[in-house]
Amino acid sequence: MSATGRHPGQGSSEESLGDLVSRASQQISELVREEMRLALAEMTQKGKRFGMGGGLFGGAGLVGFLAAQALVAGVIAALALLLPVWASALIIAALLAAVAAGMAAAGKKQITRAGTPAPEQAIAGVKADVAEIKEAAHR
């Protein structure tokens, strides 16, 4: 018999403080790893959206630049020839400007959908976990 009145090897219904601390430490480590995985997944998703939006803005800039070139070519053709050739250049410029506007709107929508760059879901999860740990500690 040991000093606690139990026989060695005999299980107790109560765990030792060391066992509880060890298990809590392990669970907190697992929780932190899971929250980090969630943050990484969230940041990856947001990064893709920012990339898509930025690419669409870049495309809108290129198409807008082409629209400006076509507009200039149309004005030059109109002044140089005073013939219907300038009308076709203006139509192309208007089409390119409409494409640029559509791409800019799509890019803005992608950036708006991405939201803030902070991993909001992971932060909320950590805050909830901390609140639960605090509550459990006060019991």
Foldseek 3Di string as FASTA:
>chain_A
DDPVPDDPPDDDPDDDPVVVVVVVVVVVVVVVVVLVVLQVVLLVVLVVLLVQLVVLLVVLVVLLVVLVVLLVVLVVCCVVPVDCPSVVSNVSSVVSNVSSVVSNVVSVVSNVVSPDSGSVVSVVVVVVVVVVVVVVVVD
